[in-house]
Amino acid sequence: MTFNNQSAYTCKIIAINIDSIEVERVEKLNIDTELPQKITICSGLIKADKYEWMLQKATELGANDFIAVGMQRSVVKLTDNKSG
């Protein structure tokens, strides 16, 4: 069972009522929420609004680093003044 999305515990059910369940905390669990690996996402250039969405979702899934890559079939192209 988790409390406030911070601490996790194993619990013992003490009583079950019509509208509630009483539990007793038995043991605090040490849960590492960080992934043991670093994840890097390499993405072709996409429009800004879609790139922001991709960054948000990839971060939620645990990605650490992002690299934007200009590719032959990318919709968005870098010009000389943007690629410095």
PDB file of N, CA and C in Angstrom:
ATOM      1  N   MET A   1       0.859  -1.152   0.000  1.00  0.00           N
ATOM      2  CA  MET A   1       0.000   0.000   0.000  1.00  0.00           C
ATOM      3  C   MET A   1       0.912   1.223   0.000  1.00  0.00           C
ATOM      4  N   THR A   2       0.508   2.262  -0.743  1.00  0.00           N
ATOM      5  CA  THR A   2       1.287   3.499  -0.750  1.00  0.00           C
ATOM      6  C   THR A   2       0.488   4.613  -0.088  1.00  0.00           C
ATOM      7  N   PHE A   3       1.212   5.557   0.500  1.00  0.00           N
ATOM      8  CA  PHE A   3       0.605   6.705   1.150  1.00  0.00           C
ATOM      9  C   PHE A   3       1.147   7.965   0.502  1.00  0.00           C
ATOM     10  N   ASN A   4       0.262   8.788  -0.029  1.00  0.00           N
ATOM     11  CA  ASN A   4       0.623  10.056  -0.666  1.00  0.00           C
ATOM     12  C   ASN A   4       1.646   9.875  -1.781  1.00  0.00           C
ATOM     13  N   ASN A   5       1.613   8.746  -2.463  1.00  0.00           N
ATOM     14  CA  ASN A   5       2.549   8.434  -3.544  1.00  0.00           C
ATOM     15  C   ASN A   5       4.005   8.576  -3.122  1.00  0.00           C
ATOM     16  N   GLN A   6       4.310   8.369  -1.852  1.00  0.00           N
ATOM     17  CA  GLN A   6       5.676   8.516  -1.376  1.00  0.00           C
ATOM     18  C   GLN A   6       6.190   7.245  -0.721  1.00  0.00           C
ATOM     19  N   SER A   7       5.558   6.806   0.317  1.00  0.00           N
ATOM     20  CA  SER A   7       6.037   5.652   1.074  1.00  0.00           C
ATOM     21  C   SER A   7       5.173   4.439   0.770  1.00  0.00           C
ATOM     22  N   ALA A   8       5.819   3.273   0.672  1.00  0.00           N
ATOM     23  CA  ALA A   8       5.088   2.027   0.428  1.00  0.00           C
ATOM     24  C   ALA A   8       5.251   1.117   1.636  1.00  0.00           C
ATOM     25  N   TYR A   9       4.180   0.441   1.993  1.00  0.00           N
ATOM     26  CA  TYR A   9       4.173  -0.439   3.161  1.00  0.00           C
ATOM     27  C   TYR A   9       3.460  -1.744   2.828  1.00  0.00           C
ATOM     28  N   THR A  10       3.883  -2.822   3.488  1.00  0.00           N
ATOM     29  CA  THR A  10       3.038  -4.012   3.514  1.00  0.00           C
ATOM     30  C   THR A  10       2.082  -3.794   4.679  1.00  0.00           C
ATOM     31  N   CYS A  11       0.835  -4.185   4.477  1.00  0.00           N
ATOM     32  CA  CYS A  11      -0.190  -3.933   5.495  1.00  0.00           C
ATOM     33  C   CYS A  11      -0.984  -5.196   5.787  1.00  0.00           C
ATOM     34  N   LYS A  12      -1.557  -5.213   6.977  1.00  0.00           N
ATOM     35  CA  LYS A  12      -2.408  -6.315   7.417  1.00  0.00           C
ATOM     36  C   LYS A  12      -3.819  -5.759   7.581  1.00  0.00           C
ATOM     37  N   ILE A  13      -4.807  -6.440   6.991  1.00  0.00           N
ATOM     38  CA  ILE A  13      -6.197  -5.998   7.110  1.00  0.00           C
ATOM     39  C   ILE A  13      -6.706  -6.345   8.505  1.00  0.00           C
ATOM     40  N   ILE A  14      -7.201  -5.333   9.201  1.00  0.00           N
ATOM     41  CA  ILE A  14      -7.716  -5.495  10.560  1.00  0.00           C
ATOM     42  C   ILE A  14      -9.231  -5.686  10.542  1.00  0.00           C
ATOM     43  N   ALA A  15      -9.923  -4.868   9.748  1.00  0.00           N
ATOM     44  CA  ALA A  15     -11.388  -4.951   9.699  1.00  0.00           C
ATOM     45  C   ALA A  15     -11.890  -4.472   8.346  1.00  0.00           C
ATOM     46  N   ILE A  16     -12.968  -5.093   7.888  1.00  0.00           N
ATOM     47  CA  ILE A  16     -13.620  -4.680   6.648  1.00  0.00           C
ATOM     48  C   ILE A  16     -15.027  -4.235   7.006  1.00  0.00           C
ATOM     49  N   ASN A  17     -15.321  -2.967   6.732  1.00  0.00           N
ATOM     50  CA  ASN A  17     -16.633  -2.393   7.011  1.00  0.00           C
ATOM     51  C   ASN A  17     -17.346  -2.117   5.691  1.00  0.00           C
ATOM     52  N   ILE A  18     -18.583  -1.672   5.768  1.00  0.00           N
ATOM     53  CA  ILE A  18     -19.360  -1.392   4.560  1.00  0.00           C
ATOM     54  C   ILE A  18     -18.686  -0.331   3.693  1.00  0.00           C
ATOM     55  N   ASP A  19     -18.180   0.730   4.321  1.00  0.00           N
ATOM     56  CA  ASP A  19     -17.612   1.831   3.552  1.00  0.00           C
ATOM     57  C   ASP A  19     -16.122   2.067   3.794  1.00  0.00           C
ATOM     58  N   SER A  20     -15.452   1.148   4.459  1.00  0.00           N
ATOM     59  CA  SER A  20     -14.024   1.346   4.715  1.00  0.00           C
ATOM     60  C   SER A  20     -13.334   0.024   5.047  1.00  0.00           C
ATOM     61  N   ILE A  21     -12.022   0.081   4.978  1.00  0.00           N
ATOM     62  CA  ILE A  21     -11.186  -1.052   5.381  1.00  0.00           C
ATOM     63  C   ILE A  21     -10.129  -0.514   6.329  1.00  0.00           C
ATOM     64  N   GLU A  22      -9.966  -1.156   7.464  1.00  0.00           N
ATOM     65  CA  GLU A  22      -8.932  -0.764   8.418  1.00  0.00           C
ATOM     66  C   GLU A  22      -7.714  -1.653   8.214  1.00  0.00           C
ATOM     67  N   VAL A  23      -6.546  -1.008   8.143  1.00  0.00           N
ATOM     68  CA  VAL A  23      -5.307  -1.764   7.967  1.00  0.00           C
ATOM     69  C   VAL A  23      -4.288  -1.344   9.016  1.00  0.00           C
ATOM     70  N   GLU A  24      -3.330  -2.207   9.224  1.00  0.00           N
ATOM     71  CA  GLU A  24      -2.216  -1.928  10.133  1.00  0.00           C
ATOM     72  C   GLU A  24      -0.938  -2.037   9.312  1.00  0.00           C
ATOM     73  N   ARG A  25      -0.091  -1.007   9.401  1.00  0.00           N
ATOM     74  CA  ARG A  25       1.184  -1.059   8.683  1.00  0.00           C
ATOM     75  C   ARG A  25       2.087  -2.092   9.335  1.00  0.00           C
ATOM     76  N   VAL A  26       2.658  -2.960   8.521  1.00  0.00           N
ATOM     77  CA  VAL A  26       3.523  -4.018   9.026  1.00  0.00           C
ATOM     78  C   VAL A  26       4.989  -3.681   8.789  1.00  0.00           C
ATOM     79  N   GLU A  27       5.300  -3.276   7.573  1.00  0.00           N
ATOM     80  CA  GLU A  27       6.707  -3.050   7.231  1.00  0.00           C
ATOM     81  C   GLU A  27       6.809  -1.990   6.145  1.00  0.00           C
ATOM     82  N   LYS A  28       7.766  -1.075   6.293  1.00  0.00           N
ATOM     83  CA  LYS A  28       8.020  -0.078   5.252  1.00  0.00           C
ATOM     84  C   LYS A  28       8.901  -0.720   4.185  1.00  0.00           C
ATOM     85  N   LEU A  29       8.536  -0.508   2.923  1.00  0.00           N
ATOM     86  CA  LEU A  29       9.291  -1.076   1.817  1.00  0.00           C
ATOM     87  C   LEU A  29      10.198  -0.020   1.205  1.00  0.00           C
ATOM     88  N   ASN A  30      11.401  -0.418   0.868  1.00  0.00           N
ATOM     89  CA  ASN A  30      12.321   0.473   0.166  1.00  0.00           C
ATOM     90  C   ASN A  30      12.163   0.232  -1.325  1.00  0.00           C
ATOM     91  N   ILE A  31      11.513   1.159  -1.987  1.00  0.00           N
ATOM     92  CA  ILE A  31      11.268   1.026  -3.414  1.00  0.00           C
ATOM     93  C   ILE A  31      12.016   2.137  -4.128  1.00  0.00           C
ATOM     94  N   ASP A  32      12.909   1.742  -5.034  1.00  0.00           N
ATOM     95  CA  ASP A  32      13.656   2.709  -5.828  1.00  0.00           C
ATOM     96  C   ASP A  32      12.843   3.013  -7.075  1.00  0.00           C
ATOM     97  N   THR A  33      12.386   4.254  -7.206  1.00  0.00           N
ATOM     98  CA  THR A  33      11.543   4.610  -8.339  1.00  0.00           C
ATOM     99  C   THR A  33      12.346   4.992  -9.574  1.00  0.00           C
ATOM    100  N   GLU A  34      13.646   5.160  -9.429  1.00  0.00           N
ATOM    101  CA  GLU A  34      14.490   5.486 -10.575  1.00  0.00           C
ATOM    102  C   GLU A  34      14.876   4.216 -11.311  1.00  0.00           C
ATOM    103  N   LEU A  35      14.887   4.297 -12.620  1.00  0.00           N
ATOM    104  CA  LEU A  35      15.301   3.151 -13.419  1.00  0.00           C
ATOM    105  C   LEU A  35      16.803   2.937 -13.283  1.00  0.00           C
ATOM    106  N   PRO A  36      17.266   1.695 -13.292  1.00  0.00           N
ATOM    107  CA  PRO A  36      18.705   1.445 -13.169  1.00  0.00           C
ATOM    108  C   PRO A  36      19.472   1.829 -14.434  1.00  0.00           C
ATOM    109  N   GLN A  37      18.787   1.983 -15.556  1.00  0.00           N
ATOM    110  CA  GLN A  37      19.441   2.357 -16.800  1.00  0.00           C
ATOM    111  C   GLN A  37      19.102   3.799 -17.150  1.00  0.00           C
ATOM    112  N   LYS A  38      20.010   4.422 -17.900  1.00  0.00           N
ATOM    113  CA  LYS A  38      19.712   5.734 -18.465  1.00  0.00           C
ATOM    114  C   LYS A  38      19.163   5.498 -19.858  1.00  0.00           C
ATOM    115  N   ILE A  39      18.087   6.175 -20.196  1.00  0.00           N
ATOM    116  CA  ILE A  39      17.450   6.009 -21.495  1.00  0.00           C
ATOM    117  C   ILE A  39      17.606   7.297 -22.292  1.00  0.00           C
ATOM    118  N   THR A  40      18.151   7.171 -23.507  1.00  0.00           N
ATOM    119  CA  THR A  40      18.305   8.303 -24.411  1.00  0.00           C
ATOM    120  C   THR A  40      17.387   8.091 -25.606  1.00  0.00           C
ATOM    121  N   ILE A  41      16.608   9.107 -25.934  1.00  0.00           N
ATOM    122  CA  ILE A  41      15.698   9.055 -27.073  1.00  0.00           C
ATOM    123  C   ILE A  41      16.300   9.881 -28.202  1.00  0.00           C
ATOM    124  N   CYS A  42      16.494   9.267 -29.361  1.00  0.00           N
ATOM    125  CA  CYS A  42      16.917   9.973 -30.571  1.00  0.00           C
ATOM    126  C   CYS A  42      15.689  10.082 -31.459  1.00  0.00           C
ATOM    127  N   SER A  43      15.299  11.309 -31.764  1.00  0.00           N
ATOM    128  CA  SER A  43      14.073  11.520 -32.526  1.00  0.00           C
ATOM    129  C   SER A  43      14.371  12.372 -33.745  1.00  0.00           C
ATOM    130  N   GLY A  44      13.723  12.030 -34.842  1.00  0.00           N
ATOM    131  CA  GLY A  44      13.785  12.902 -36.007  1.00  0.00           C
ATOM    132  C   GLY A  44      13.129  14.230 -35.672  1.00  0.00           C
ATOM    133  N   LEU A  45      13.449  15.248 -36.454  1.00  0.00           N
ATOM    134  CA  LEU A  45      12.869  16.569 -36.211  1.00  0.00           C
ATOM    135  C   LEU A  45      11.380  16.536 -36.524  1.00  0.00           C
ATOM    136  N   ILE A  46      10.577  16.974 -35.570  1.00  0.00           N
ATOM    137  CA  ILE A  46       9.129  17.048 -35.745  1.00  0.00           C
ATOM    138  C   ILE A  46       8.662  18.425 -35.305  1.00  0.00           C
ATOM    139  N   LYS A  47       7.430  18.757 -35.617  1.00  0.00           N
ATOM    140  CA  LYS A  47       6.895  20.074 -35.269  1.00  0.00           C
ATOM    141  C   LYS A  47       6.933  20.286 -33.759  1.00  0.00           C
ATOM    142  N   ALA A  48       7.076  21.549 -33.353  1.00  0.00           N
ATOM    143  CA  ALA A  48       7.308  21.895 -31.945  1.00  0.00           C
ATOM    144  C   ALA A  48       6.246  21.335 -31.006  1.00  0.00           C
ATOM    145  N   ASP A  49       4.957  21.463 -31.354  1.00  0.00           N
ATOM    146  CA  ASP A  49       3.909  20.994 -30.445  1.00  0.00           C
ATOM    147  C   ASP A  49       3.971  19.479 -30.265  1.00  0.00           C
ATOM    148  N   LYS A  50       4.272  18.755 -31.331  1.00  0.00           N
ATOM    149  CA  LYS A  50       4.389  17.303 -31.222  1.00  0.00           C
ATOM    150  C   LYS A  50       5.680  16.914 -30.488  1.00  0.00           C
ATOM    151  N   TYR A  51       6.740  17.710 -30.658  1.00  0.00           N
ATOM    152  CA  TYR A  51       7.997  17.419 -29.963  1.00  0.00           C
ATOM    153  C   TYR A  51       7.812  17.594 -28.455  1.00  0.00           C
ATOM    154  N   GLU A  52       7.100  18.641 -28.058  1.00  0.00           N
ATOM    155  CA  GLU A  52       6.831  18.859 -26.631  1.00  0.00           C
ATOM    156  C   GLU A  52       6.020  17.704 -26.053  1.00  0.00           C
ATOM    157  N   TRP A  53       5.019  17.212 -26.799  1.00  0.00           N
ATOM    158  CA  TRP A  53       4.216  16.076 -26.355  1.00  0.00           C
ATOM    159  C   TRP A  53       5.090  14.837 -26.223  1.00  0.00           C
ATOM    160  N   MET A  54       5.959  14.598 -27.217  1.00  0.00           N
ATOM    161  CA  MET A  54       6.858  13.439 -27.181  1.00  0.00           C
ATOM    162  C   MET A  54       7.805  13.535 -25.974  1.00  0.00           C
ATOM    163  N   LEU A  55       8.347  14.731 -25.711  1.00  0.00           N
ATOM    164  CA  LEU A  55       9.218  14.918 -24.543  1.00  0.00           C
ATOM    165  C   LEU A  55       8.477  14.610 -23.251  1.00  0.00           C
ATOM    166  N   GLN A  56       7.245  15.099 -23.146  1.00  0.00           N
ATOM    167  CA  GLN A  56       6.447  14.870 -21.936  1.00  0.00           C
ATOM    168  C   GLN A  56       6.209  13.383 -21.715  1.00  0.00           C
ATOM    169  N   LYS A  57       5.747  12.687 -22.731  1.00  0.00           N
ATOM    170  CA  LYS A  57       5.427  11.263 -22.589  1.00  0.00           C
ATOM    171  C   LYS A  57       6.677  10.424 -22.346  1.00  0.00           C
ATOM    172  N   ALA A  58       7.760  10.722 -23.050  1.00  0.00           N
ATOM    173  CA  ALA A  58       9.000   9.963 -22.863  1.00  0.00           C
ATOM    174  C   ALA A  58       9.557  10.190 -21.461  1.00  0.00           C
ATOM    175  N   THR A  59       9.438  11.412 -20.946  1.00  0.00           N
ATOM    176  CA  THR A  59       9.888  11.698 -19.582  1.00  0.00           C
ATOM    177  C   THR A  59       9.041  10.930 -18.572  1.00  0.00           C
ATOM    178  N   GLU A  60       7.732  10.879 -18.790  1.00  0.00           N
ATOM    179  CA  GLU A  60       6.853  10.112 -17.900  1.00  0.00           C
ATOM    180  C   GLU A  60       7.236   8.637 -17.877  1.00  0.00           C
ATOM    181  N   LEU A  61       7.753   8.134 -18.989  1.00  0.00           N
ATOM    182  CA  LEU A  61       8.153   6.729 -19.078  1.00  0.00           C
ATOM    183  C   LEU A  61       9.581   6.488 -18.603  1.00  0.00           C
ATOM    184  N   GLY A  62      10.321   7.557 -18.250  1.00  0.00           N
ATOM    185  CA  GLY A  62      11.635   7.383 -17.657  1.00  0.00           C
ATOM    186  C   GLY A  62      12.822   7.765 -18.508  1.00  0.00           C
ATOM    187  N   ALA A  63      12.605   8.386 -19.661  1.00  0.00           N
ATOM    188  CA  ALA A  63      13.733   8.793 -20.502  1.00  0.00           C
ATOM    189  C   ALA A  63      14.511   9.918 -19.823  1.00  0.00           C
ATOM    190  N   ASN A  64      15.844   9.881 -19.977  1.00  0.00           N
ATOM    191  CA  ASN A  64      16.709  10.868 -19.338  1.00  0.00           C
ATOM    192  C   ASN A  64      17.220  11.933 -20.297  1.00  0.00           C
ATOM    193  N   ASP A  65      17.595  11.519 -21.500  1.00  0.00           N
ATOM    194  CA  ASP A  65      18.223  12.423 -22.461  1.00  0.00           C
ATOM    195  C   ASP A  65      17.489  12.350 -23.792  1.00  0.00           C
ATOM    196  N   PHE A  66      17.546  13.469 -24.529  1.00  0.00           N
ATOM    197  CA  PHE A  66      16.877  13.558 -25.820  1.00  0.00           C
ATOM    198  C   PHE A  66      17.831  14.160 -26.837  1.00  0.00           C
ATOM    199  N   ILE A  67      17.860  13.574 -28.020  1.00  0.00           N
ATOM    200  CA  ILE A  67      18.692  14.079 -29.106  1.00  0.00           C
ATOM    201  C   ILE A  67      17.789  14.248 -30.323  1.00  0.00           C
ATOM    202  N   ALA A  68      17.722  15.481 -30.844  1.00  0.00           N
ATOM    203  CA  ALA A  68      16.964  15.741 -32.066  1.00  0.00           C
ATOM    204  C   ALA A  68      17.910  15.535 -33.243  1.00  0.00           C
ATOM    205  N   VAL A  69      17.464  14.742 -34.211  1.00  0.00           N
ATOM    206  CA  VAL A  69      18.317  14.374 -35.335  1.00  0.00           C
ATOM    207  C   VAL A  69      17.630  14.782 -36.634  1.00  0.00           C
ATOM    208  N   GLY A  70      18.351  15.549 -37.468  1.00  0.00           N
ATOM    209  CA  GLY A  70      17.835  15.882 -38.792  1.00  0.00           C
ATOM    210  C   GLY A  70      17.960  14.660 -39.687  1.00  0.00           C
ATOM    211  N   MET A  71      16.854  14.222 -40.253  1.00  0.00           N
ATOM    212  CA  MET A  71      16.864  13.033 -41.105  1.00  0.00           C
ATOM    213  C   MET A  71      16.346  13.393 -42.489  1.00  0.00           C
ATOM    214  N   GLN A  72      16.680  12.567 -43.447  1.00  0.00           N
ATOM    215  CA  GLN A  72      16.313  12.831 -44.831  1.00  0.00           C
ATOM    216  C   GLN A  72      14.805  13.013 -44.991  1.00  0.00           C
ATOM    217  N   ARG A  73      14.003  12.239 -44.291  1.00  0.00           N
ATOM    218  CA  ARG A  73      12.552  12.288 -44.468  1.00  0.00           C
ATOM    219  C   ARG A  73      11.841  13.096 -43.380  1.00  0.00           C
ATOM    220  N   SER A  74      12.590  13.864 -42.583  1.00  0.00           N
ATOM    221  CA  SER A  74      11.968  14.705 -41.555  1.00  0.00           C
ATOM    222  C   SER A  74      11.117  15.782 -42.210  1.00  0.00           C
ATOM    223  N   VAL A  75       9.972  16.071 -41.618  1.00  0.00           N
ATOM    224  CA  VAL A  75       9.106  17.138 -42.115  1.00  0.00           C
ATOM    225  C   VAL A  75       9.760  18.484 -41.835  1.00  0.00           C
ATOM    226  N   VAL A  76      10.318  18.646 -40.649  1.00  0.00           N
ATOM    227  CA  VAL A  76      10.989  19.875 -40.257  1.00  0.00           C
ATOM    228  C   VAL A  76      12.435  19.783 -40.718  1.00  0.00           C
ATOM    229  N   LYS A  77      12.931  20.844 -41.349  1.00  0.00           N
ATOM    230  CA  LYS A  77      14.316  20.871 -41.830  1.00  0.00           C
ATOM    231  C   LYS A  77      15.064  22.000 -41.132  1.00  0.00           C
ATOM    232  N   LEU A  78      16.329  21.751 -40.809  1.00  0.00           N
ATOM    233  CA  LEU A  78      17.185  22.792 -40.252  1.00  0.00           C
ATOM    234  C   LEU A  78      17.749  23.626 -41.387  1.00  0.00           C
ATOM    235  N   THR A  79      17.740  24.942 -41.197  1.00  0.00           N
ATOM    236  CA  THR A  79      18.412  25.822 -42.150  1.00  0.00           C
ATOM    237  C   THR A  79      19.744  26.214 -41.545  1.00  0.00           C
ATOM    238  N   ASP A  80      20.598  26.843 -42.319  1.00  0.00           N
ATOM    239  CA  ASP A  80      21.936  27.201 -41.835  1.00  0.00           C
ATOM    240  C   ASP A  80      21.897  28.079 -40.592  1.00  0.00           C
ATOM    241  N   ASN A  81      20.938  29.015 -40.500  1.00  0.00           N
ATOM    242  CA  ASN A  81      20.898  29.908 -39.339  1.00  0.00           C
ATOM    243  C   ASN A  81      20.333  29.229 -38.095  1.00  0.00           C
ATOM    244  N   LYS A  82      19.680  28.069 -38.208  1.00  0.00           N
ATOM    245  CA  LYS A  82      19.140  27.359 -37.045  1.00  0.00           C
ATOM    246  C   LYS A  82      20.087  26.295 -36.524  1.00  0.00           C
ATOM    247  N   SER A  83      21.058  25.891 -37.294  1.00  0.00           N
ATOM    248  CA  SER A  83      21.879  24.736 -36.928  1.00  0.00           C
ATOM    249  C   SER A  83      23.214  25.137 -36.338  1.00  0.00           C
ATOM    250  N   GLY A  84      23.297  26.128 -35.528  1.00  0.00           N
ATOM    251  CA  GLY A  84      24.584  26.575 -35.020  1.00  0.00           C
ATOM    252  C   GLY A  84      24.947  25.951 -33.792  1.00  0.00           C
TER     253      GLY A  84
END
